[in-house]
Amino acid sequence: MASWNRLPTPAATAADPSASSRRPLSRRSLLGGVAGLAALGGIAACTTSETFDPQVAADIGGDDQLPLDPAPEIPDDPPVVTGSFVSQRMAGRPTRWAASRPNGVTGELPVVIVAHALNTNERSIFGTALNIQGVVQQYVDAGNPPFAVASVDVGRNYFHARSDGADGAAMILDEFIPMLENSIDLNLRTDRIGLYGWSMGGYGALRIGALLGSPRVAAIAASSPALWGDPNNFPPRAFDSYADYQANSLFGQQHAFSKIPVLLSIGMADQFYTYTRQWAADLHPPAAFSTTPGGHTNRFWRSVLPEQIEFLGRNLAR
């Protein structure tokens, strides 16, 4: 189990001016420290010098370029650290990543890997529309065990090997997770992780979970997973061919989740509602299934995020 400690409360910091100078993992130290990551297995990890702007991150639509719904502002969000590496699993392209640890804690933390939706990127989950780092901070401030969040850009890959030579899931497993594990500055443990994803990333989180299995995966929370249940009716963006669908569809693979706690959240008006219910019906034991009025939108995804964070945090702490 990870060892962590809470930093002084704001009141204690005010009483002791030196306390703020002792706070580890400040944005500046992270940006400087991660830049010094050594090459790992052929990947050179580095941070960018740009400032993370949550509004810019929010200016990317959800799946199919859906309109954004603003989320309530959360004060004192934790900093988001960004970087990049050259990914051999993504056909040698520069690949960006982003990560955040909650404020007020030190020491090694477990991590939730976020798989992003179509037409979004590694920054979108940290933008103003979804603001996962703020939701995690509220969870930690309520006295719950802390964890970090990290995401990486897979473009439109759909988290499996494609005809262009890229494989987002393999990149996460073989390059991104080892990079996080070996970052002294991020100070994360990856021997037991959580997985979260929405839309395309919901499918991605489930597929990665099936590949890793238990006990490596503590829990999976998926919002509106893009599950295509008809082998004769799927979009080219998701699978290259019928054979590709047969090789990578999660239908028929439910046994892989028999020892992994799964939370599925989907709106009743969502385009994937029927397929998701069909898929979940063959999970044994059954998944936690959360459904409320809502569609395939940021408004719905943000509304269920606190429940998903609690689910992931509770299972990571076991």
Protein backbone atom coordinates (compact mmCIF):
# COMPACT_ATOMS: atom_id res chain seq x y z
CA MET A 1 0.00 0.00 0.00
CA ALA A 2 1.31 3.47 -0.86
CA SER A 3 2.72 5.61 1.92
CA TRP A 4 1.44 9.17 1.97
CA ASN A 5 1.08 12.06 4.38
CA ARG A 6 -1.08 15.15 4.45
CA LEU A 7 0.61 18.51 4.24
CA PRO A 8 -0.19 21.25 6.76
CA THR A 9 -3.70 22.67 6.46
CA PRO A 10 -4.08 26.21 5.08
CA ALA A 11 -4.48 27.47 8.65
CA ALA A 12 -1.27 25.79 9.73
CA THR A 13 0.52 27.17 6.69
CA ALA A 14 -0.60 30.67 7.53
CA ALA A 15 0.70 30.26 11.06
CA ASP A 16 4.00 28.89 9.81
CA PRO A 17 5.21 30.84 6.73
CA SER A 18 7.92 28.28 6.10
CA ALA A 19 5.36 25.54 5.61
CA SER A 20 4.57 26.63 2.06
CA SER A 21 8.23 26.46 1.15
CA ARG A 22 8.30 22.86 2.33
CA ARG A 23 5.41 21.79 0.10
CA PRO A 24 6.73 19.12 -2.25
CA LEU A 25 5.62 18.61 -5.80
CA SER A 26 4.87 22.22 -6.59
CA ARG A 27 4.05 23.01 -10.20
CA ARG A 28 7.48 24.56 -10.69
CA SER A 29 9.37 21.65 -9.18
CA LEU A 30 7.38 19.15 -11.21
CA LEU A 31 7.88 20.98 -14.46
CA GLY A 32 11.57 21.19 -13.77
CA GLY A 33 11.94 17.73 -12.34
CA VAL A 34 10.10 15.70 -14.92
CA ALA A 35 12.16 17.38 -17.62
CA GLY A 36 15.08 15.46 -16.22
CA LEU A 37 13.53 12.02 -16.76
CA ALA A 38 16.00 9.69 -18.37
CA ALA A 39 15.24 7.64 -21.42
CA LEU A 40 13.25 4.54 -20.56
CA GLY A 41 12.93 1.61 -22.91
CA GLY A 42 13.49 3.82 -25.95
CA ILE A 43 11.26 6.68 -24.75
CA ALA A 44 12.64 10.05 -23.80
CA ALA A 45 10.11 11.74 -21.53
CA CYS A 46 10.06 15.50 -21.19
CA THR A 47 7.76 18.24 -19.99
CA THR A 48 6.63 21.15 -22.06
CA SER A 49 7.32 24.73 -21.05
CA GLU A 50 3.81 25.91 -21.86
CA THR A 51 1.33 26.79 -19.13
CA PHE A 52 -1.61 24.47 -18.78
CA ASP A 53 -4.81 26.37 -19.53
CA PRO A 54 -7.97 24.48 -18.53
CA GLN A 55 -10.09 26.65 -20.80
CA VAL A 56 -7.98 25.75 -23.81
CA ALA A 57 -8.28 22.11 -22.83
CA ALA A 58 -12.04 22.55 -22.70
CA ASP A 59 -12.21 23.95 -26.22
CA ILE A 60 -12.19 20.45 -27.66
CA GLY A 61 -15.53 18.78 -28.26
CA GLY A 62 -16.56 15.40 -26.95
CA ASP A 63 -17.20 12.38 -29.14
CA ASP A 64 -18.47 13.52 -32.55
CA GLN A 65 -17.73 17.17 -31.67
CA LEU A 66 -20.63 17.52 -29.27
CA PRO A 67 -21.19 20.94 -27.66
CA LEU A 68 -19.59 21.68 -24.32
CA ASP A 69 -21.53 22.12 -21.11
CA PRO A 70 -19.75 24.26 -18.50
CA ALA A 71 -19.02 22.61 -15.16
CA PRO A 72 -19.19 24.39 -11.81
CA GLU A 73 -15.90 26.03 -10.96
CA ILE A 74 -13.83 24.34 -8.26
CA PRO A 75 -11.40 26.64 -6.44
CA ASP A 76 -7.77 25.74 -5.76
CA ASP A 77 -7.46 23.02 -8.37
CA PRO A 78 -4.24 21.01 -8.18
CA PRO A 79 -1.64 21.82 -10.86
CA VAL A 80 -1.54 19.79 -14.05
CA VAL A 81 1.88 18.74 -15.31
CA THR A 82 2.34 18.13 -19.03
CA GLY A 83 5.02 16.42 -21.06
CA SER A 84 5.71 14.29 -24.13
CA PHE A 85 7.71 11.37 -25.40
CA VAL A 86 8.31 9.67 -28.74
CA SER A 87 6.14 6.55 -28.79
CA GLN A 88 7.22 3.54 -30.81
CA ARG A 89 3.80 1.99 -30.15
CA MET A 90 2.18 5.00 -31.82
CA ALA A 91 4.26 4.58 -34.99
CA GLY A 92 7.07 6.82 -33.72
CA ARG A 93 5.02 9.96 -33.23
CA PRO A 94 5.50 12.54 -30.43
CA THR A 95 2.91 11.69 -27.76
CA ARG A 96 1.70 14.17 -25.13
CA TRP A 97 0.68 13.33 -21.58
CA ALA A 98 -0.70 15.15 -18.55
CA ALA A 99 -0.89 14.27 -14.85
CA SER A 100 -2.06 15.75 -11.57
CA ARG A 101 -1.59 14.95 -7.90
CA PRO A 102 -3.94 16.38 -5.27
CA ASN A 103 -2.70 19.27 -3.18
CA GLY A 104 -1.95 18.74 0.49
CA VAL A 105 -0.38 15.26 0.39
CA THR A 106 3.13 13.90 0.04
CA GLY A 107 4.59 10.49 -0.61
CA GLU A 108 3.94 7.78 -3.14
CA LEU A 109 0.41 7.66 -4.56
CA PRO A 110 -1.57 5.18 -6.64
CA VAL A 111 -2.77 6.45 -9.99
CA VAL A 112 -5.87 6.33 -12.16
CA ILE A 113 -5.09 6.15 -15.88
CA VAL A 114 -7.60 8.11 -17.97
CA ALA A 115 -8.53 7.02 -21.51
CA HIS A 116 -9.94 9.99 -23.43
CA ALA A 117 -12.86 10.26 -25.85
CA LEU A 118 -12.76 10.71 -29.61
CA ASN A 119 -11.93 14.25 -30.74
CA THR A 120 -10.38 15.01 -27.35
CA ASN A 121 -6.86 14.58 -26.03
CA GLU A 122 -4.82 14.08 -22.86
CA ARG A 123 -5.74 17.55 -21.59
CA SER A 124 -9.51 17.32 -22.00
CA ILE A 125 -10.21 15.51 -18.73
CA PHE A 126 -8.41 18.33 -16.89
CA GLY A 127 -10.27 21.14 -18.69
CA THR A 128 -13.07 23.26 -17.29
CA ALA A 129 -15.81 20.99 -18.69
CA LEU A 130 -14.77 17.86 -16.75
CA ASN A 131 -12.13 19.09 -14.27
CA ILE A 132 -11.21 15.69 -12.85
CA GLN A 133 -8.36 17.13 -10.77
CA GLY A 134 -10.82 19.37 -8.91
CA VAL A 135 -13.20 16.48 -8.28
CA VAL A 136 -10.33 14.35 -6.93
CA GLN A 137 -9.26 17.26 -4.71
CA GLN A 138 -12.74 17.51 -3.20
CA TYR A 139 -12.70 13.76 -2.58
CA VAL A 140 -9.32 13.99 -0.82
CA ASP A 141 -10.28 17.10 1.16
CA ALA A 142 -13.23 15.13 2.55
CA GLY A 143 -10.72 12.84 4.26
CA ASN A 144 -10.47 10.05 1.69
CA PRO A 145 -7.21 8.34 0.61
CA PRO A 146 -5.56 10.34 -2.18
CA PHE A 147 -4.59 9.23 -5.65
CA ALA A 148 -3.17 10.84 -8.78
CA VAL A 149 -4.64 11.04 -12.29
CA ALA A 150 -2.73 10.70 -15.56
CA SER A 151 -3.78 10.75 -19.21
CA VAL A 152 -2.01 10.36 -22.55
CA ASP A 153 -3.00 11.28 -26.10
CA VAL A 154 -4.00 8.43 -28.43
CA GLY A 155 -5.61 10.62 -31.09
CA ARG A 156 -8.41 8.72 -32.88
CA ASN A 157 -6.79 5.32 -32.36
CA TYR A 158 -9.59 3.60 -30.41
CA PHE A 159 -7.12 1.84 -28.12
CA HIS A 160 -6.14 -1.11 -30.28
CA ALA A 161 -3.78 -1.90 -33.14
CA ARG A 162 -4.83 -0.12 -36.33
CA SER A 163 -3.84 -0.32 -39.98
CA ASP A 164 -1.60 2.76 -39.64
CA GLY A 165 0.69 0.91 -37.24
CA ALA A 166 -0.43 2.71 -34.06
CA ASP A 167 -1.78 0.98 -30.95
CA GLY A 168 -2.99 3.23 -28.13
CA ALA A 169 -3.53 0.45 -25.60
CA ALA A 170 -0.05 -1.00 -26.19
CA MET A 171 1.44 2.48 -25.82
CA ILE A 172 -0.25 2.91 -22.44
CA LEU A 173 0.80 -0.52 -21.21
CA ASP A 174 4.34 -0.66 -22.58
CA GLU A 175 5.44 2.99 -22.49
CA PHE A 176 3.20 5.37 -20.55
CA ILE A 177 2.66 3.34 -17.37
CA PRO A 178 6.38 2.42 -17.06
CA MET A 179 7.25 6.11 -17.57
CA LEU A 180 4.93 7.09 -14.72
CA GLU A 181 6.38 4.36 -12.49
CA ASN A 182 9.92 5.58 -13.08
CA SER A 183 9.24 9.29 -12.54
CA ILE A 184 10.84 10.27 -9.24
CA ASP A 185 9.08 13.63 -9.29
CA LEU A 186 5.56 12.29 -9.85
CA ASN A 187 6.20 9.59 -7.21
CA LEU A 188 3.50 7.19 -8.37
CA ARG A 189 3.04 3.45 -8.00
CA THR A 190 1.60 1.48 -10.89
CA ASP A 191 1.62 -2.10 -9.60
CA ARG A 192 -2.13 -1.66 -8.94
CA ILE A 193 -3.98 1.01 -10.91
CA GLY A 194 -7.45 2.39 -11.53
CA LEU A 195 -8.84 2.99 -15.02
CA TYR A 196 -11.31 5.65 -16.12
CA GLY A 197 -12.57 6.56 -19.58
CA TRP A 198 -15.47 8.18 -21.35
CA SER A 199 -17.01 7.33 -24.74
CA MET A 200 -14.17 5.99 -26.94
CA GLY A 201 -12.08 6.07 -23.77
CA GLY A 202 -14.75 4.12 -21.88
CA TYR A 203 -14.21 1.29 -24.34
CA GLY A 204 -10.46 1.92 -24.02
CA ALA A 205 -10.45 1.70 -20.22
CA LEU A 206 -12.40 -1.56 -20.37
CA ARG A 207 -10.11 -3.03 -23.04
CA ILE A 208 -6.95 -2.08 -21.11
CA GLY A 209 -8.50 -3.56 -17.99
CA ALA A 210 -9.19 -6.82 -19.81
CA LEU A 211 -5.57 -6.94 -21.01
CA LEU A 212 -4.08 -6.25 -17.57
CA GLY A 213 -6.58 -8.18 -15.47
CA SER A 214 -6.77 -8.56 -11.72
CA PRO A 215 -5.05 -7.86 -9.35
CA ARG A 216 -3.17 -5.30 -11.47
CA VAL A 217 -6.42 -3.39 -12.06
CA ALA A 218 -8.12 -2.27 -8.84
CA ALA A 219 -11.28 -0.96 -10.55
CA ILE A 220 -12.65 0.48 -13.80
CA ALA A 221 -15.13 3.35 -14.12
CA ALA A 222 -16.48 3.94 -17.63
CA SER A 223 -18.85 6.70 -18.76
CA SER A 224 -20.92 6.09 -21.90
CA PRO A 225 -18.49 3.45 -23.23
CA ALA A 226 -18.44 3.29 -27.02
CA LEU A 227 -19.40 -0.37 -27.26
CA TRP A 228 -20.48 -1.49 -30.72
CA GLY A 229 -22.55 -4.65 -30.39
CA ASP A 230 -23.34 -5.36 -34.05
CA PRO A 231 -20.44 -6.91 -36.01
CA ASN A 232 -22.11 -5.76 -39.22
CA ASN A 233 -22.66 -2.17 -38.11
CA PHE A 234 -19.72 -0.22 -36.75
CA PRO A 235 -17.96 2.96 -37.92
CA PRO A 236 -14.55 2.84 -39.64
CA ARG A 237 -13.17 5.14 -36.94
CA ALA A 238 -13.62 2.30 -34.42
CA PHE A 239 -12.49 -0.76 -36.38
CA ASP A 240 -10.69 -1.20 -39.70
CA SER A 241 -12.58 -4.29 -40.83
CA TYR A 242 -14.87 -7.11 -39.76
CA ALA A 243 -11.80 -9.11 -38.72
CA ASP A 244 -10.55 -6.13 -36.69
CA TYR A 245 -13.93 -5.92 -34.96
CA GLN A 246 -13.87 -9.64 -34.17
CA ALA A 247 -10.37 -9.35 -32.72
CA ASN A 248 -11.02 -6.31 -30.54
CA SER A 249 -14.71 -6.17 -29.65
CA LEU A 250 -15.43 -6.59 -25.95
CA PHE A 251 -18.60 -8.55 -26.64
CA GLY A 252 -17.86 -12.12 -25.67
CA GLN A 253 -15.00 -10.99 -23.41
CA GLN A 254 -17.00 -10.30 -20.27
CA HIS A 255 -15.24 -13.15 -18.42
CA ALA A 256 -12.11 -11.00 -18.31
CA PHE A 257 -13.83 -8.74 -15.74
CA SER A 258 -14.90 -11.42 -13.29
CA LYS A 259 -12.42 -10.22 -10.66
CA ILE A 260 -12.35 -6.49 -11.48
CA PRO A 261 -14.91 -4.11 -9.92
CA VAL A 262 -16.60 -2.20 -12.77
CA LEU A 263 -18.83 0.88 -12.65
CA LEU A 264 -20.73 1.73 -15.83
CA SER A 265 -22.45 5.13 -16.05
CA ILE A 266 -24.60 6.06 -19.03
CA GLY A 267 -27.48 8.41 -19.79
CA MET A 268 -30.83 7.02 -20.85
CA ALA A 269 -30.73 9.05 -24.06
CA ASP A 270 -27.16 8.00 -24.92
CA GLN A 271 -26.54 6.40 -28.32
CA PHE A 272 -24.65 3.54 -26.60
CA TYR A 273 -27.30 2.88 -23.94
CA THR A 274 -28.70 -0.32 -25.49
CA TYR A 275 -25.32 -1.82 -26.37
CA THR A 276 -23.95 -1.00 -22.91
CA ARG A 277 -26.88 -2.70 -21.18
CA GLN A 278 -26.52 -5.72 -23.45
CA TRP A 279 -22.81 -5.96 -22.71
CA ALA A 280 -23.26 -5.48 -18.97
CA ALA A 281 -25.92 -8.21 -18.82
CA ASP A 282 -23.21 -10.83 -19.38
CA LEU A 283 -20.88 -9.60 -16.62
CA HIS A 284 -20.57 -12.03 -13.71
CA PRO A 285 -20.56 -10.74 -11.06
CA PRO A 286 -22.62 -7.83 -12.39
CA ALA A 287 -21.15 -4.37 -12.71
CA ALA A 288 -22.37 -1.43 -10.72
CA PHE A 289 -24.68 0.16 -13.31
CA SER A 290 -25.61 3.82 -12.98
CA THR A 291 -28.11 5.41 -15.34
CA THR A 292 -29.97 8.71 -15.17
CA PRO A 293 -31.60 11.03 -17.70
CA GLY A 294 -28.90 12.40 -19.96
CA GLY A 295 -27.13 12.03 -23.28
CA HIS A 296 -23.66 11.67 -24.73
CA THR A 297 -22.50 15.02 -23.38
CA ASN A 298 -20.03 16.63 -21.04
CA ARG A 299 -22.97 17.65 -18.84
CA PHE A 300 -23.74 14.00 -18.13
CA TRP A 301 -20.10 12.91 -17.80
CA ARG A 302 -19.36 15.70 -15.31
CA SER A 303 -22.50 14.93 -13.31
CA VAL A 304 -21.45 11.34 -12.61
CA LEU A 305 -17.73 12.01 -12.12
CA PRO A 306 -17.88 12.40 -8.30
CA GLU A 307 -19.51 8.96 -7.98
CA GLN A 308 -16.88 7.45 -10.25
CA ILE A 309 -14.02 9.08 -8.34
CA GLU A 310 -15.40 7.69 -5.09
CA PHE A 311 -15.71 4.23 -6.66
CA LEU A 312 -12.14 4.28 -7.95
CA GLY A 313 -10.69 5.72 -4.74
CA ARG A 314 -12.47 3.19 -2.53
CA ASN A 315 -11.19 0.26 -4.56
CA LEU A 316 -7.65 1.62 -4.89
CA ALA A 317 -7.46 1.94 -1.10
CA ARG A 318 -8.27 -1.74 -0.52
